[in-house]
Protein backbone atom coordinates (compact mmCIF):
# COMPACT_ATOMS: atom_id res chain seq x y z
CA UNK A 1 63.47 115.24 22.25
CA UNK A 2 66.26 115.31 24.81
CA UNK A 3 65.07 118.66 26.14
CA UNK A 4 61.53 117.34 26.46
CA UNK A 5 62.82 114.29 28.33
CA UNK A 6 64.92 116.54 30.56
CA UNK A 7 61.92 118.75 31.37
CA UNK A 8 59.71 115.77 32.21
CA UNK A 9 62.43 114.38 34.48
CA UNK A 10 62.80 117.74 36.21
CA UNK A 11 59.04 117.89 36.75
CA UNK A 12 58.88 114.35 38.10
CA UNK A 13 61.76 114.90 40.51
CA UNK A 14 59.76 117.47 42.36
CA UNK A 15 56.53 115.37 42.43
CA UNK A 16 55.26 117.58 45.19
CA UNK A 17 58.54 118.00 47.05
CA UNK A 18 59.57 121.31 48.51
CA UNK A 19 62.45 123.04 46.75
CA UNK A 20 63.94 123.71 50.17
CA UNK A 21 64.79 120.01 50.45
CA UNK A 22 67.26 120.53 47.63
CA UNK A 23 68.58 123.94 48.55
CA UNK A 24 72.18 122.91 47.88
CA UNK A 25 71.81 121.33 44.44
CA UNK A 26 70.82 122.57 41.01
CA UNK A 27 67.38 121.14 40.26
CA UNK A 28 68.20 121.13 36.55
CA UNK A 29 70.91 118.54 37.23
CA UNK A 30 68.76 116.37 39.49
CA UNK A 31 67.48 113.21 37.78
CA UNK A 32 64.68 111.27 39.47
CA UNK A 33 66.04 107.82 38.63
CA UNK A 34 69.78 108.43 38.70
CA UNK A 35 69.58 110.35 41.99
CA UNK A 36 66.84 108.28 43.64
CA UNK A 37 68.95 107.43 46.70
CA UNK A 38 69.73 111.11 47.26
CA UNK A 39 66.09 112.15 46.86
CA UNK A 40 64.85 109.43 49.23
CA UNK A 41 67.50 110.29 51.82
CA UNK A 42 66.49 113.96 51.77
CA UNK A 43 62.81 113.14 52.10
CA UNK A 44 63.42 110.73 55.00
CA UNK A 45 65.72 113.07 56.89
CA UNK A 46 64.14 116.46 56.17
CA UNK A 47 60.80 115.94 54.47
CA UNK A 48 57.21 116.05 55.64
CA UNK A 49 54.71 113.20 55.82
CA UNK A 50 53.07 114.37 52.57
CA UNK A 51 56.46 114.42 50.84
CA UNK A 52 57.14 110.91 52.10
CA UNK A 53 53.80 109.70 50.73
CA UNK A 54 54.55 111.39 47.40
CA UNK A 55 57.92 109.67 47.26
CA UNK A 56 56.27 106.31 47.95
CA UNK A 57 53.74 106.84 45.19
CA UNK A 58 56.45 107.88 42.72
CA UNK A 59 59.07 105.20 43.43
CA UNK A 60 56.97 102.50 45.06
CA UNK A 61 57.30 101.12 48.58
CA UNK A 62 59.68 98.31 47.57
CA UNK A 63 62.19 100.63 45.90
CA UNK A 64 62.05 103.18 48.72
CA UNK A 65 62.65 100.42 51.28
CA UNK A 66 65.55 99.00 49.28
CA UNK A 67 67.22 102.38 48.85
CA UNK A 68 66.53 103.44 52.45
CA UNK A 69 68.47 100.40 53.61
CA UNK A 70 71.48 101.66 51.59
CA UNK A 71 71.63 105.11 53.21
CA UNK A 72 74.86 105.55 55.17
CA UNK A 73 73.43 107.76 57.92
CA UNK A 74 69.97 108.06 59.44
CA UNK A 75 69.36 109.36 62.91
CA UNK A 76 67.88 106.92 65.41
CA UNK A 77 64.30 108.16 65.08
CA UNK A 78 64.27 107.93 61.27
CA UNK A 79 65.92 104.51 61.42
CA UNK A 80 63.26 103.22 63.83
CA UNK A 81 60.54 104.65 61.59
CA UNK A 82 62.00 102.85 58.56
CA UNK A 83 62.35 99.58 60.47
CA UNK A 84 58.73 99.76 61.56
CA UNK A 85 57.21 101.13 58.35
CA UNK A 86 59.05 98.84 55.93
CA UNK A 87 59.02 95.86 58.32
CA UNK A 88 62.72 95.14 57.84
CA UNK A 89 65.20 94.04 60.50
CA UNK A 90 67.41 96.81 61.78
CA UNK A 91 70.55 94.94 60.78
CA UNK A 92 69.59 95.19 57.09
CA UNK A 93 70.20 98.96 57.17
CA UNK A 94 73.70 100.11 56.23
CA UNK A 95 73.52 103.04 58.67
CA UNK A 96 72.86 100.66 61.58
CA UNK A 97 75.73 98.36 60.63
CA UNK A 98 78.17 101.26 60.31
CA UNK A 99 76.99 102.68 63.61
CA UNK A 100 77.73 99.36 65.30
CA UNK A 101 81.23 99.31 63.82
CA UNK A 102 82.07 102.72 65.30
CA UNK A 103 80.22 103.04 68.61
CA UNK A 104 80.36 106.37 70.34
CA UNK A 105 81.49 106.76 73.92
CA UNK A 106 78.22 108.31 75.04
CA UNK A 107 74.80 107.77 73.57
CA UNK A 108 72.76 110.93 74.11
């Protein structure tokens, strides 16, 4: 039964995601629920629109929004997308708060 559960988890992790998103990890060790933050971060930072929609349908918009706000680094464009799409204030995102704590000298 454990092997069957492991196979179903492996299949659900991919839920239409490209294997190139996870080029640096072993897909056999990737668990959809346990590694949800990691999966969502990869999709937001490197995924396509279709992969984002697949992630939303798998996890649900509420969970994706909650986990996206816990990501430590998002570039400015992805952060603005998340703020707009999930209708959350920018200061609820951990990456924004950390960025404010360590401002860079120049903002390119």
